[in-house]
Amino acid sequence: MQQTAQLPVQFHAVVARKDSGVKLPFALSWSDRFRADADPSEIPVHTLLDVVRIPSAERTTPWALMARRFGYAAMLVLAVATVVYFDKEGYTEPLTFIDALYYSAVSLSTTGYGDITPVTQSARLMNILVITPCRVAFLMLLVGTTLSVLTEDSRKTLQIQQWRRTVRNHTIVIGYGTKGRSAVDALLAGGTAPGNIVVVDDDAVVLSNAEKRGLVTVHGNGTRSSVLKVAGVARARSVVVAPSSDDTAVLVTLSVRELAPSAMIVASVRESENQHLLMQSGADSVVVSSETAGRLLGIATVTPPVVEMMEDLLSPDEGFAVAERPIADDEVGANPRHLADIVLGVVRSGELYRIDAPEAETVEPGDRLLFVQMTQPTPLTERTRPTE
């Protein structure tokens, strides 16, 4: 209670420090490169290489890349040795295959001892048309690591630039802790493409885990306007605010609402006393995590099966889940209680009416239904099997 009572004071202190222009304690080191209110289009793309991570379809480790290049070089040496051996009489002495391999290695590496040289017209022509281009290719393989690094940075720069131009109607998840990961799980299970989810966090380790799942990541503090702009918050469809503290959630919500007036903001708060602060800051929906967990703990002591069913409904991967769908043409005018699905509520003009509300007596055109959906049928033998 004491921490909750101090929240408004802490919050105003944070806002005062932000408005006064004083550098916040949680400011990012990279954010000093540009102003906190900078336009994302003015931020050089190359400065975002360590900030924005866009997963690639294929990843190659450095060791695998080096082994591949070494294999290419060895095959090139072997191929040139074979060509030289076919014209073994055109050199200063008849060549064995070992001699041809030796000549190929010293020629492609530009060592050139001069002990074996072409003397016939055909051998010299082969050196001009075959061995010289192969020598150039071999040298390119030798400096391939440097070229690869330069190419990789250029590729990432172009990829980030293209992403910043085209990203829109995406979902931003601010905070990739337990709540943020669960929110991403629900989004992915609901059919959202991983590329349409942007995770913002200041922990590089958790962002690495998010990137492995195919999510776009932005390294930074979600309370900073510059970080939110890089994540494309102005064109986002929805924003999930899931930091570890309530005061941070309030500040993030204020910043998001200022930059994205039309985005849907869903925020999480630990204490119910702080729920009104999130709503006043611009959140469309607030989930009180501590009270929800407390209710489930209390119910579990009395009726454990109820908690199991609730967890099943909240787990979209298997069993049952709460879903939303538009009504069919033949359902207009019907009572939602008499439909084939187990209907929990009716969404009309953005307003939710529970199944027992008078407004939900009949289904009207344009309504949407909240119902219980079976995501993965469980065999009857497994459902009725007694617990051992």
Protein backbone atom coordinates (compact mmCIF):
# COMPACT_ATOMS: atom_id res chain seq x y z
CA MET A 1 0.00 0.00 0.00
CA GLN A 2 2.81 2.36 0.82
CA GLN A 3 4.40 1.85 -2.59
CA THR A 4 1.07 2.45 -4.30
CA ALA A 5 0.40 5.64 -2.39
CA GLN A 6 3.75 7.05 -3.47
CA LEU A 7 3.19 6.27 -7.13
CA PRO A 8 1.63 9.63 -8.17
CA VAL A 9 4.48 11.54 -6.49
CA GLN A 10 7.10 9.41 -8.25
CA PHE A 11 5.27 9.77 -11.52
CA HIS A 12 5.10 13.58 -11.37
CA ALA A 13 8.77 13.68 -10.44
CA VAL A 14 9.66 11.65 -13.50
CA VAL A 15 7.56 13.85 -15.76
CA ALA A 16 9.09 17.00 -14.29
CA ARG A 17 12.56 15.73 -14.98
CA LYS A 18 11.58 14.83 -18.52
CA ASP A 19 10.00 18.21 -19.24
CA SER A 20 12.93 20.10 -17.72
CA GLY A 21 15.33 18.58 -20.23
CA VAL A 22 17.45 16.84 -17.58
CA LYS A 23 18.84 13.51 -18.73
CA LEU A 24 16.82 10.69 -17.18
CA PRO A 25 18.62 7.97 -15.21
CA PHE A 26 17.38 5.30 -17.59
CA ALA A 27 18.42 7.14 -20.75
CA LEU A 28 20.05 4.97 -23.38
CA SER A 29 23.63 5.43 -24.44
CA TRP A 30 22.75 5.29 -28.13
CA SER A 31 19.93 7.79 -27.77
CA ASP A 32 22.46 10.55 -27.14
CA ARG A 33 23.22 10.44 -30.86
CA PHE A 34 19.98 12.20 -31.71
CA ARG A 35 17.39 14.33 -29.96
CA ALA A 36 14.68 12.67 -27.91
CA ASP A 37 12.04 14.32 -30.09
CA ALA A 38 13.82 13.67 -33.39
CA ASP A 39 11.84 12.70 -36.43
CA PRO A 40 12.58 9.04 -37.31
CA SER A 41 13.16 10.06 -40.93
CA GLU A 42 16.02 12.28 -39.75
CA ILE A 43 17.79 9.50 -37.87
CA PRO A 44 20.64 7.98 -39.97
CA VAL A 45 19.87 4.35 -40.70
CA HIS A 46 23.42 3.18 -39.98
CA THR A 47 23.05 4.35 -36.35
CA LEU A 48 20.21 1.84 -35.90
CA LEU A 49 22.20 -1.30 -36.81
CA ASP A 50 22.63 -2.15 -33.11
CA VAL A 51 19.14 -0.93 -32.20
CA VAL A 52 16.71 -2.50 -34.69
CA ARG A 53 16.97 -6.22 -35.40
CA ILE A 54 14.94 -7.71 -38.23
CA PRO A 55 15.19 -11.53 -38.25
CA SER A 56 16.49 -13.14 -41.42
CA ALA A 57 15.18 -16.34 -42.90
CA GLU A 58 18.62 -17.98 -42.84
CA ARG A 59 21.38 -17.60 -40.29
CA THR A 60 24.96 -18.76 -40.84
CA THR A 61 27.51 -18.97 -38.05
CA PRO A 62 31.00 -17.52 -38.67
CA TRP A 63 32.58 -20.97 -38.44
CA ALA A 64 30.20 -22.40 -41.01
CA LEU A 65 30.88 -19.43 -43.29
CA MET A 66 34.66 -19.91 -42.99
CA ALA A 67 34.35 -23.65 -43.64
CA ARG A 68 32.24 -22.99 -46.73
CA ARG A 69 34.78 -20.52 -48.13
CA PHE A 70 37.66 -22.88 -47.42
CA GLY A 71 35.80 -25.59 -49.30
CA TYR A 72 35.25 -23.28 -52.27
CA ALA A 73 38.97 -22.39 -52.32
CA ALA A 74 40.01 -26.06 -52.14
CA MET A 75 37.67 -26.99 -54.98
CA LEU A 76 39.02 -24.13 -57.07
CA VAL A 77 42.63 -25.26 -56.53
CA LEU A 78 41.68 -28.83 -57.41
CA ALA A 79 39.81 -27.77 -60.55
CA VAL A 80 42.75 -25.68 -61.81
CA ALA A 81 45.17 -28.54 -61.06
CA THR A 82 43.03 -30.87 -63.15
CA VAL A 83 43.02 -28.44 -66.08
CA VAL A 84 46.83 -28.01 -65.83
CA TYR A 85 47.37 -31.75 -65.68
CA PHE A 86 45.47 -32.27 -68.95
CA ASP A 87 48.12 -30.05 -70.63
CA LYS A 88 51.06 -31.41 -68.61
CA GLU A 89 53.40 -31.41 -71.63
CA GLY A 90 53.08 -27.64 -72.11
CA TYR A 91 55.34 -26.64 -69.22
CA THR A 92 59.09 -26.52 -68.58
CA GLU A 93 58.95 -30.18 -67.54
CA PRO A 94 56.36 -32.97 -67.78
CA LEU A 95 54.05 -32.65 -64.79
CA THR A 96 52.64 -35.25 -62.43
CA PHE A 97 49.32 -34.55 -60.79
CA ILE A 98 51.17 -33.48 -57.63
CA ASP A 99 53.18 -31.02 -59.76
CA ALA A 100 49.94 -29.71 -61.27
CA LEU A 101 48.44 -29.32 -57.80
CA TYR A 102 51.56 -27.50 -56.62
CA TYR A 103 51.53 -25.19 -59.64
CA SER A 104 47.82 -24.48 -59.08
CA ALA A 105 48.38 -23.57 -55.41
CA VAL A 106 51.35 -21.22 -55.98
CA SER A 107 49.68 -19.62 -59.00
CA LEU A 108 46.29 -18.95 -57.42
CA SER A 109 47.90 -17.63 -54.22
CA THR A 110 50.07 -15.32 -56.40
CA THR A 111 53.22 -16.77 -54.80
CA GLY A 112 54.77 -17.62 -58.19
CA TYR A 113 58.09 -19.32 -57.48
CA GLY A 114 58.83 -19.58 -61.19
CA ASP A 115 60.14 -23.17 -61.10
CA ILE A 116 57.25 -24.32 -63.29
CA THR A 117 56.18 -22.07 -66.17
CA PRO A 118 54.06 -22.55 -69.31
CA VAL A 119 56.10 -22.73 -72.51
CA THR A 120 53.64 -23.77 -75.21
CA GLN A 121 51.02 -21.55 -76.80
CA SER A 122 48.15 -23.69 -75.54
CA ALA A 123 49.46 -23.68 -71.95
CA ARG A 124 49.92 -19.90 -71.98
CA LEU A 125 46.46 -19.40 -73.49
CA MET A 126 44.98 -21.59 -70.75
CA ASN A 127 46.74 -19.43 -68.13
CA ILE A 128 45.21 -16.31 -69.64
CA LEU A 129 41.67 -17.60 -70.06
CA VAL A 130 41.35 -19.98 -67.09
CA ILE A 131 43.99 -19.60 -64.40
CA THR A 132 44.02 -15.78 -64.28
CA PRO A 133 40.23 -15.48 -63.67
CA CYS A 134 40.51 -18.28 -61.11
CA ARG A 135 43.34 -16.35 -59.42
CA VAL A 136 41.05 -13.33 -59.09
CA ALA A 137 38.27 -15.51 -57.67
CA PHE A 138 40.71 -17.10 -55.21
CA LEU A 139 41.81 -13.68 -53.97
CA MET A 140 38.19 -12.69 -53.49
CA LEU A 141 37.71 -15.77 -51.31
CA LEU A 142 40.75 -14.79 -49.24
CA VAL A 143 39.27 -11.38 -48.44
CA GLY A 144 35.75 -12.76 -48.24
CA THR A 145 35.45 -12.19 -44.50
CA THR A 146 35.92 -8.45 -44.84
CA LEU A 147 33.63 -8.30 -47.85
CA SER A 148 31.03 -10.33 -45.99
CA VAL A 149 31.05 -7.93 -43.03
CA LEU A 150 30.66 -4.92 -45.32
CA THR A 151 27.93 -6.65 -47.31
CA GLU A 152 26.11 -7.74 -44.16
CA ASP A 153 26.08 -4.21 -42.75
CA SER A 154 24.84 -2.84 -46.08
CA ARG A 155 22.16 -5.51 -46.26
CA LYS A 156 20.97 -4.76 -42.73
CA THR A 157 20.97 -1.03 -43.45
CA LEU A 158 18.80 -1.51 -46.54
CA GLN A 159 16.56 -3.93 -44.66
CA ILE A 160 15.99 -1.50 -41.79
CA GLN A 161 15.39 1.34 -44.24
CA GLN A 162 12.81 -0.72 -46.13
CA TRP A 163 11.14 -1.81 -42.89
CA ARG A 164 10.84 1.78 -41.63
CA ARG A 165 9.16 2.81 -44.88
CA THR A 166 6.65 -0.02 -45.00
CA VAL A 167 5.84 -0.88 -41.36
CA ARG A 168 2.26 -0.09 -40.38
CA ASN A 169 -0.71 -1.69 -38.59
CA HIS A 170 1.72 -3.67 -36.44
CA THR A 171 1.64 -4.48 -32.74
CA ILE A 172 4.30 -3.12 -30.39
CA VAL A 173 5.03 -4.99 -27.17
CA ILE A 174 6.91 -2.81 -24.67
CA GLY A 175 8.62 -5.04 -22.13
CA TYR A 176 9.52 -8.65 -22.91
CA GLY A 177 9.27 -10.08 -19.42
CA THR A 178 6.79 -12.74 -18.35
CA LYS A 179 3.77 -10.61 -19.28
CA GLY A 180 5.26 -9.48 -22.57
CA ARG A 181 6.18 -13.03 -23.62
CA SER A 182 2.69 -14.26 -22.74
CA ALA A 183 1.17 -11.44 -24.80
CA VAL A 184 3.34 -12.40 -27.78
CA ASP A 185 2.33 -16.07 -27.37
CA ALA A 186 -1.33 -15.07 -27.54
CA LEU A 187 -0.73 -12.87 -30.60
CA LEU A 188 1.10 -15.63 -32.46
CA ALA A 189 -1.55 -18.18 -31.52
CA GLY A 190 -4.20 -15.77 -32.78
CA GLY A 191 -2.66 -15.69 -36.23
CA THR A 192 -0.51 -12.56 -36.05
CA ALA A 193 2.60 -12.89 -38.20
CA PRO A 194 5.88 -12.63 -36.26
CA GLY A 195 7.05 -9.88 -38.61
CA ASN A 196 4.08 -7.74 -37.51
CA ILE A 197 5.17 -7.78 -33.86
CA VAL A 198 7.80 -5.33 -32.63
CA VAL A 199 9.33 -5.92 -29.18
CA VAL A 200 10.86 -2.97 -27.31
CA ASP A 201 13.13 -3.68 -24.35
CA ASP A 202 16.43 -2.45 -22.94
CA ASP A 203 17.73 -5.96 -22.18
CA ALA A 204 19.79 -7.35 -25.06
CA VAL A 205 19.46 -10.93 -23.79
CA VAL A 206 15.66 -11.03 -23.87
CA LEU A 207 15.67 -9.28 -27.24
CA SER A 208 17.92 -12.02 -28.58
CA ASN A 209 15.32 -14.58 -27.51
CA ALA A 210 12.58 -12.56 -29.18
CA GLU A 211 14.61 -12.32 -32.38
CA LYS A 212 14.98 -16.10 -32.47
CA ARG A 213 11.18 -16.31 -32.61
CA GLY A 214 11.13 -14.16 -35.74
CA LEU A 215 10.07 -10.94 -34.00
CA VAL A 216 11.37 -7.50 -34.91
CA THR A 217 13.20 -6.02 -31.92
CA VAL A 218 14.14 -2.48 -30.90
CA HIS A 219 16.78 -2.07 -28.21
CA GLY A 220 15.83 0.84 -26.02
CA ASN A 221 13.73 2.14 -23.16
CA GLY A 222 10.03 2.36 -23.96
CA THR A 223 9.68 5.57 -21.98
CA ARG A 224 11.72 7.48 -24.56
CA SER A 225 9.89 9.10 -27.46
CA SER A 226 12.84 8.48 -29.78
CA VAL A 227 12.67 4.74 -29.12
CA LEU A 228 8.92 4.65 -29.73
CA LYS A 229 9.34 6.57 -32.98
CA VAL A 230 11.97 4.10 -34.20
CA ALA A 231 9.49 1.29 -33.44
CA GLY A 232 6.93 3.03 -35.67
CA VAL A 233 4.42 3.74 -32.91
CA ALA A 234 2.68 6.45 -34.95
CA ARG A 235 1.57 3.81 -37.48
CA ALA A 236 0.99 0.94 -35.04
CA ARG A 237 -2.42 -0.70 -34.75
CA SER A 238 -2.02 -1.61 -31.08
CA VAL A 239 0.51 -1.28 -28.27
CA VAL A 240 0.93 -3.67 -25.35
CA VAL A 241 2.46 -1.95 -22.32
CA ALA A 242 3.98 -4.63 -20.07
CA PRO A 243 6.89 -3.17 -18.05
CA SER A 244 7.94 -4.44 -14.64
CA SER A 245 6.68 -1.45 -12.61
CA ASP A 246 3.47 0.56 -12.50
CA ASP A 247 5.09 3.99 -12.68
CA THR A 248 6.96 2.97 -15.82
CA ALA A 249 3.70 1.72 -17.32
CA VAL A 250 2.07 5.11 -16.70
CA LEU A 251 4.93 7.01 -18.31
CA VAL A 252 5.05 4.65 -21.31
CA THR A 253 1.29 4.95 -21.80
CA LEU A 254 1.48 8.74 -21.75
CA SER A 255 4.27 8.75 -24.32
CA VAL A 256 2.50 6.28 -26.60
CA ARG A 257 -0.80 8.13 -26.47
CA GLU A 258 0.91 11.42 -27.31
CA LEU A 259 2.63 9.91 -30.37
CA ALA A 260 -0.19 7.60 -31.48
CA PRO A 261 -3.63 9.09 -30.69
CA SER A 262 -5.51 6.40 -32.61
CA ALA A 263 -3.60 3.29 -31.50
CA MET A 264 -5.21 0.80 -29.13
CA ILE A 265 -3.24 0.69 -25.89
CA VAL A 266 -3.52 -2.32 -23.61
CA ALA A 267 -1.55 -1.92 -20.38
CA SER A 268 -0.72 -4.12 -17.43
CA VAL A 269 -0.57 -2.87 -13.86
CA ARG A 270 0.33 -4.71 -10.68
CA GLU A 271 -1.94 -2.91 -8.22
CA SER A 272 -5.60 -2.07 -8.81
CA GLU A 273 -5.13 1.31 -7.09
CA ASN A 274 -3.05 2.38 -10.08
CA GLN A 275 -5.58 1.29 -12.70
CA HIS A 276 -7.19 4.72 -12.92
CA LEU A 277 -3.79 6.29 -13.61
CA LEU A 278 -3.36 4.08 -16.66
CA MET A 279 -6.86 4.92 -17.88
CA GLN A 280 -6.25 8.65 -17.40
CA SER A 281 -2.94 8.32 -19.23
CA GLY A 282 -4.73 7.03 -22.32
CA ALA A 283 -4.94 3.25 -22.00
CA ASP A 284 -7.95 1.64 -23.68
CA SER A 285 -7.79 -1.44 -21.49
CA VAL A 286 -5.96 -2.22 -18.24
CA VAL A 287 -5.24 -5.67 -16.85
CA VAL A 288 -4.55 -5.90 -13.12
CA SER A 289 -2.06 -8.75 -12.86
CA SER A 290 -1.78 -9.13 -9.09
CA GLU A 291 -5.54 -9.23 -8.45
CA THR A 292 -6.10 -11.67 -11.30
CA ALA A 293 -3.46 -14.02 -9.94
CA GLY A 294 -4.82 -13.58 -6.42
CA ARG A 295 -8.34 -14.52 -7.46
CA LEU A 296 -7.09 -17.65 -9.22
CA LEU A 297 -5.11 -18.62 -6.13
CA GLY A 298 -8.17 -18.18 -3.95
CA ILE A 299 -10.40 -20.16 -6.31
CA ALA A 300 -7.80 -22.93 -6.51
CA THR A 301 -8.08 -23.59 -2.79
CA VAL A 302 -11.84 -24.19 -3.11
CA THR A 303 -12.49 -25.47 -6.63
CA PRO A 304 -9.24 -26.40 -8.42
CA PRO A 305 -11.02 -27.57 -11.62
CA VAL A 306 -12.27 -24.02 -12.19
CA VAL A 307 -8.69 -22.76 -12.27
CA GLU A 308 -7.73 -25.53 -14.69
CA MET A 309 -10.57 -24.50 -16.98
CA MET A 310 -9.59 -20.83 -16.77
CA GLU A 311 -5.99 -21.67 -17.65
CA ASP A 312 -7.28 -23.75 -20.55
CA LEU A 313 -9.30 -20.79 -21.84
CA LEU A 314 -6.27 -18.50 -21.52
CA SER A 315 -3.95 -20.96 -23.31
CA PRO A 316 -4.67 -20.61 -27.04
CA ASP A 317 -2.47 -23.49 -28.16
CA GLU A 318 -4.65 -26.39 -27.07
CA GLY A 319 -8.02 -27.24 -25.58
CA PHE A 320 -10.48 -24.36 -25.47
CA ALA A 321 -9.95 -20.65 -26.07
CA VAL A 322 -12.04 -17.48 -26.12
CA ALA A 323 -12.32 -16.21 -29.70
CA GLU A 324 -14.22 -13.55 -31.63
CA ARG A 325 -16.01 -13.91 -34.94
CA PRO A 326 -18.53 -12.00 -37.07
CA ILE A 327 -22.10 -13.24 -37.12
CA ALA A 328 -23.40 -15.20 -40.08
CA ASP A 329 -26.29 -13.94 -42.20
CA ASP A 330 -28.63 -16.63 -40.90
CA GLU A 331 -27.86 -15.66 -37.29
CA VAL A 332 -29.26 -12.12 -37.53
CA GLY A 333 -32.20 -11.72 -35.16
CA ALA A 334 -31.45 -14.91 -33.25
CA ASN A 335 -30.84 -15.19 -29.53
CA PRO A 336 -27.10 -15.80 -28.98
CA ARG A 337 -27.94 -18.33 -26.26
CA HIS A 338 -29.53 -20.57 -28.89
CA LEU A 339 -26.59 -20.60 -31.32
CA ALA A 340 -24.40 -23.62 -31.83
CA ASP A 341 -21.39 -21.93 -30.23
CA ILE A 342 -21.07 -21.20 -26.54
CA VAL A 343 -21.46 -17.41 -26.71
CA LEU A 344 -20.06 -15.31 -23.85
CA GLY A 345 -20.89 -11.84 -25.13
CA VAL A 346 -21.83 -9.63 -28.07
CA VAL A 347 -19.61 -6.83 -29.39
CA ARG A 348 -21.69 -4.04 -30.93
CA SER A 349 -20.17 -0.78 -32.18
CA GLY A 350 -17.06 -1.47 -30.13
CA GLU A 351 -19.06 -2.04 -26.93
CA LEU A 352 -19.10 -5.43 -25.21
CA TYR A 353 -22.40 -6.75 -23.83
CA ARG A 354 -22.41 -9.87 -21.70
CA ILE A 355 -24.72 -12.69 -22.63
CA ASP A 356 -27.09 -11.78 -19.77
CA ALA A 357 -27.38 -8.11 -20.78
CA PRO A 358 -30.67 -6.91 -22.31
CA GLU A 359 -28.78 -5.57 -25.34
CA ALA A 360 -27.60 -9.12 -26.10
CA GLU A 361 -31.08 -10.63 -26.39
CA THR A 362 -30.89 -10.65 -30.18
CA VAL A 363 -28.05 -10.47 -32.67
CA GLU A 364 -28.04 -7.45 -34.98
CA PRO A 365 -26.25 -6.94 -38.32
CA GLY A 366 -22.61 -5.99 -37.81
CA ASP A 367 -22.34 -7.62 -34.39
CA ARG A 368 -19.43 -9.83 -33.41
CA LEU A 369 -19.62 -12.74 -31.01
CA LEU A 370 -17.25 -13.74 -28.23
CA PHE A 371 -17.46 -17.51 -27.96
CA VAL A 372 -15.61 -20.55 -26.65
CA GLN A 373 -13.63 -22.18 -29.43
CA MET A 374 -12.04 -25.62 -29.43
CA THR A 375 -8.50 -25.11 -30.72
CA GLN A 376 -7.31 -28.71 -30.57
CA PRO A 377 -9.80 -31.53 -30.09
CA THR A 378 -8.84 -33.90 -27.29
CA PRO A 379 -9.73 -37.60 -27.74
CA LEU A 380 -12.63 -38.69 -25.57
CA THR A 381 -10.54 -41.48 -24.02
CA GLU A 382 -8.02 -38.93 -22.77
CA ARG A 383 -10.67 -36.59 -21.42
CA THR A 384 -12.42 -39.34 -19.45
CA ARG A 385 -9.27 -41.13 -18.33
CA PRO A 386 -9.13 -41.18 -14.52
CA THR A 387 -6.19 -39.55 -12.80
CA GLU A 388 -3.69 -42.06 -11.52
